[in-house]
N, C-alpha and C. Protein backbone atom coordinates (compact mmCIF):
# COMPACT_ATOMS: atom_id res chain seq x y z
N UNK A 1 40.12 115.85 69.41
CA UNK A 1 40.52 117.23 69.89
C UNK A 1 41.59 117.23 70.73
N UNK A 2 42.95 118.41 70.29
CA UNK A 2 43.69 118.40 71.23
C UNK A 2 44.33 117.21 71.83
N UNK A 3 44.82 116.16 71.14
CA UNK A 3 44.98 115.05 71.13
C UNK A 3 46.80 115.10 70.93
N UNK A 4 47.73 114.95 71.76
CA UNK A 4 48.85 114.85 71.75
C UNK A 4 49.55 114.09 70.70
N UNK A 5 50.46 114.13 69.82
CA UNK A 5 51.12 113.74 68.76
C UNK A 5 51.30 111.79 69.15
N UNK A 6 51.84 111.89 70.52
CA UNK A 6 52.27 110.82 70.79
C UNK A 6 51.34 109.80 70.97
N UNK A 7 50.04 110.70 71.65
CA UNK A 7 48.88 109.73 71.62
C UNK A 7 48.44 108.94 70.55
N UNK A 8 48.60 109.57 68.93
CA UNK A 8 48.08 109.18 68.17
C UNK A 8 48.91 107.92 67.53
N UNK A 9 49.95 107.65 67.48
CA UNK A 9 50.99 106.38 67.25
C UNK A 9 51.19 105.35 68.30
N UNK A 10 51.41 104.49 67.70
CA UNK A 10 51.15 103.52 68.81
C UNK A 10 52.67 103.61 69.73
N UNK A 11 52.67 102.92 70.99
CA UNK A 11 53.74 103.11 71.88
C UNK A 11 54.55 102.22 71.53
N UNK A 12 56.00 102.31 71.66
CA UNK A 12 57.37 101.39 71.46
C UNK A 12 57.33 100.73 72.39
N UNK A 13 57.14 99.55 72.19
CA UNK A 13 57.21 98.59 73.04
C UNK A 13 58.45 97.59 73.40
N UNK A 14 59.10 97.01 74.38
CA UNK A 14 59.84 96.01 74.82
C UNK A 14 60.44 95.45 73.74
N UNK A 15 59.42 94.80 72.90
CA UNK A 15 59.36 93.98 71.90
C UNK A 15 59.90 94.53 70.63
N UNK A 16 59.46 96.18 70.19
CA UNK A 16 60.12 96.51 69.08
C UNK A 16 61.60 97.09 69.42
N UNK A 17 61.81 97.26 70.86
CA UNK A 17 63.41 97.40 70.85
C UNK A 17 64.32 96.32 70.81
N UNK A 18 63.57 94.95 71.06
CA UNK A 18 64.47 93.54 70.73
C UNK A 18 64.49 93.52 69.33
N UNK A 19 63.14 93.46 68.32
CA UNK A 19 63.39 93.58 67.10
C UNK A 19 64.65 94.11 66.56
N UNK A 20 64.43 95.82 66.86
CA UNK A 20 65.20 96.39 66.11
C UNK A 20 66.69 96.02 66.63
N UNK A 21 67.12 96.00 67.72
CA UNK A 21 68.42 95.67 68.33
C UNK A 21 68.80 94.16 67.77
N UNK A 22 67.96 93.51 67.62
CA UNK A 22 68.57 92.41 67.33
C UNK A 22 68.60 91.25 68.56
N UNK A 23 68.15 91.51 69.84
CA UNK A 23 68.96 90.97 70.96
C UNK A 23 67.39 90.32 71.29
N UNK A 24 67.30 88.92 72.09
CA UNK A 24 65.96 88.45 72.60
C UNK A 24 65.16 89.49 73.38
N UNK A 25 63.96 88.96 73.77
CA UNK A 25 63.31 90.43 74.57
C UNK A 25 63.68 89.60 76.13
N UNK A 26 64.33 88.96 76.53
CA UNK A 26 64.91 88.79 77.60
C UNK A 26 65.85 89.47 77.96
N UNK A 27 66.93 89.64 77.19
CA UNK A 27 67.99 90.38 77.03
C UNK A 27 67.47 91.49 76.83
N UNK A 28 66.82 91.99 76.39
CA UNK A 28 66.36 93.48 76.38
C UNK A 28 65.88 93.94 77.78
N UNK A 29 64.71 92.96 77.98
CA UNK A 29 64.40 92.94 79.43
C UNK A 29 65.13 93.18 80.66
N UNK A 30 66.36 92.36 80.44
CA UNK A 30 67.09 92.56 81.82
C UNK A 30 67.74 93.84 82.02
N UNK A 31 68.09 94.25 80.93
CA UNK A 31 68.89 95.61 80.12
C UNK A 31 68.24 96.52 80.85
N UNK A 32 67.09 97.05 80.08
CA UNK A 32 66.27 97.45 80.36
C UNK A 32 65.70 97.70 82.17
N UNK A 33 65.33 96.51 82.43
CA UNK A 33 64.95 96.62 83.80
C UNK A 33 66.06 96.63 84.97
N UNK A 34 67.16 96.62 84.13
CA UNK A 34 68.60 96.43 85.32
C UNK A 34 68.39 95.53 86.02
N UNK A 35 67.88 94.25 85.87
CA UNK A 35 68.23 92.97 86.18
C UNK A 35 69.32 92.54 87.04
N UNK A 36 69.14 91.81 88.34
CA UNK A 36 70.53 91.25 88.55
C UNK A 36 71.30 90.86 87.68
N UNK A 37 70.71 89.43 86.58
CA UNK A 37 71.43 88.78 85.75
C UNK A 37 72.14 89.70 84.99
N UNK A 38 71.39 91.29 84.46
CA UNK A 38 72.10 92.00 83.54
C UNK A 38 73.62 92.17 83.96
N UNK A 39 74.14 91.77 84.73
CA UNK A 39 75.66 92.10 85.29
C UNK A 39 76.39 91.05 83.97
N UNK A 40 75.63 89.90 83.66
CA UNK A 40 76.52 88.74 83.00
C UNK A 40 76.42 89.66 81.44
N UNK A 41 75.77 90.50 81.20
CA UNK A 41 75.31 91.01 79.29
C UNK A 41 76.80 92.22 79.75
N UNK A 42 77.56 91.74 78.47
CA UNK A 42 78.53 93.16 77.95
C UNK A 42 78.06 94.47 77.95
N UNK A 43 79.22 95.34 78.32
CA UNK A 43 78.89 96.51 78.29
C UNK A 43 78.47 96.93 77.08
N UNK A 44 79.13 96.57 75.73
CA UNK A 44 79.04 96.85 74.43
C UNK A 44 77.15 96.59 74.33
N UNK A 45 77.13 95.26 74.67
CA UNK A 45 75.45 94.92 74.05
C UNK A 45 74.86 95.80 74.90
N UNK A 46 74.80 96.38 76.62
CA UNK A 46 73.76 96.96 77.10
C UNK A 46 73.68 98.33 76.62
N UNK A 47 75.15 98.82 76.08
CA UNK A 47 74.97 100.04 75.34
C UNK A 47 74.43 100.09 74.22
N UNK A 48 74.36 99.13 73.31
CA UNK A 48 73.71 98.99 71.67
C UNK A 48 71.64 98.95 71.98
N UNK A 49 71.84 98.23 73.19
CA UNK A 49 70.47 98.03 73.53
C UNK A 49 69.80 99.74 73.85
N UNK A 50 70.36 100.32 74.90
CA UNK A 50 69.88 101.68 75.35
C UNK A 50 70.04 102.56 74.36
N UNK A 51 70.74 102.25 73.34
CA UNK A 51 70.81 103.45 72.31
C UNK A 51 69.45 103.32 71.14
N UNK A 52 68.98 102.16 70.81
CA UNK A 52 68.09 101.44 70.31
C UNK A 52 66.87 101.77 71.12
N UNK A 53 66.73 101.77 72.25
CA UNK A 53 65.62 102.12 73.35
C UNK A 53 65.46 103.77 72.90
N UNK A 54 66.64 104.19 72.97
CA UNK A 54 66.47 105.67 73.08
C UNK A 54 66.12 106.68 72.04
N UNK A 55 66.33 105.98 70.62
CA UNK A 55 66.46 106.22 69.30
C UNK A 55 64.67 106.20 69.02
N UNK A 56 64.25 104.95 69.40
CA UNK A 56 62.58 104.58 69.51
C UNK A 56 61.52 105.22 70.19
N UNK A 57 62.56 105.98 71.60
CA UNK A 57 61.23 106.53 72.34
C UNK A 57 60.73 105.83 73.68
N UNK A 58 61.38 104.45 73.35
CA UNK A 58 60.66 103.12 74.43
C UNK A 58 60.65 104.29 75.71
N UNK A 59 59.87 103.90 76.84
CA UNK A 59 59.40 104.55 78.14
C UNK A 59 58.54 103.11 78.36
N UNK A 60 59.35 102.87 79.64
CA UNK A 60 58.36 101.74 80.09
C UNK A 60 57.12 101.93 80.60
N UNK A 61 55.82 100.65 80.68
CA UNK A 61 54.90 101.12 80.90
C UNK A 61 54.82 100.69 82.29
N UNK A 62 54.26 101.84 83.11
CA UNK A 62 54.20 101.49 84.86
C UNK A 62 53.05 100.30 84.67
N UNK A 63 52.15 100.53 84.11
CA UNK A 63 50.98 99.55 84.56
C UNK A 63 51.35 97.81 83.84
N UNK A 64 52.51 97.54 83.28
CA UNK A 64 52.53 96.43 82.72
C UNK A 64 53.70 95.85 83.68
N UNK A 65 54.31 96.65 84.66
CA UNK A 65 55.38 96.25 85.61
C UNK A 65 54.21 95.57 86.96
């Protein structure tokens, strides 16, 4: 009763973003967390990963950090 639609479907994870984007989990993590090693990842790759994350509705899990 009164559940939001976002609560009834599984949450998009970083693994989902990696699978759909075709990049490794590590690369996706570096980009989405703006890690220092992300400076070595091309802008095109970063843009592609961020686009997929946006399309899938990815939001970081604050408890997983």
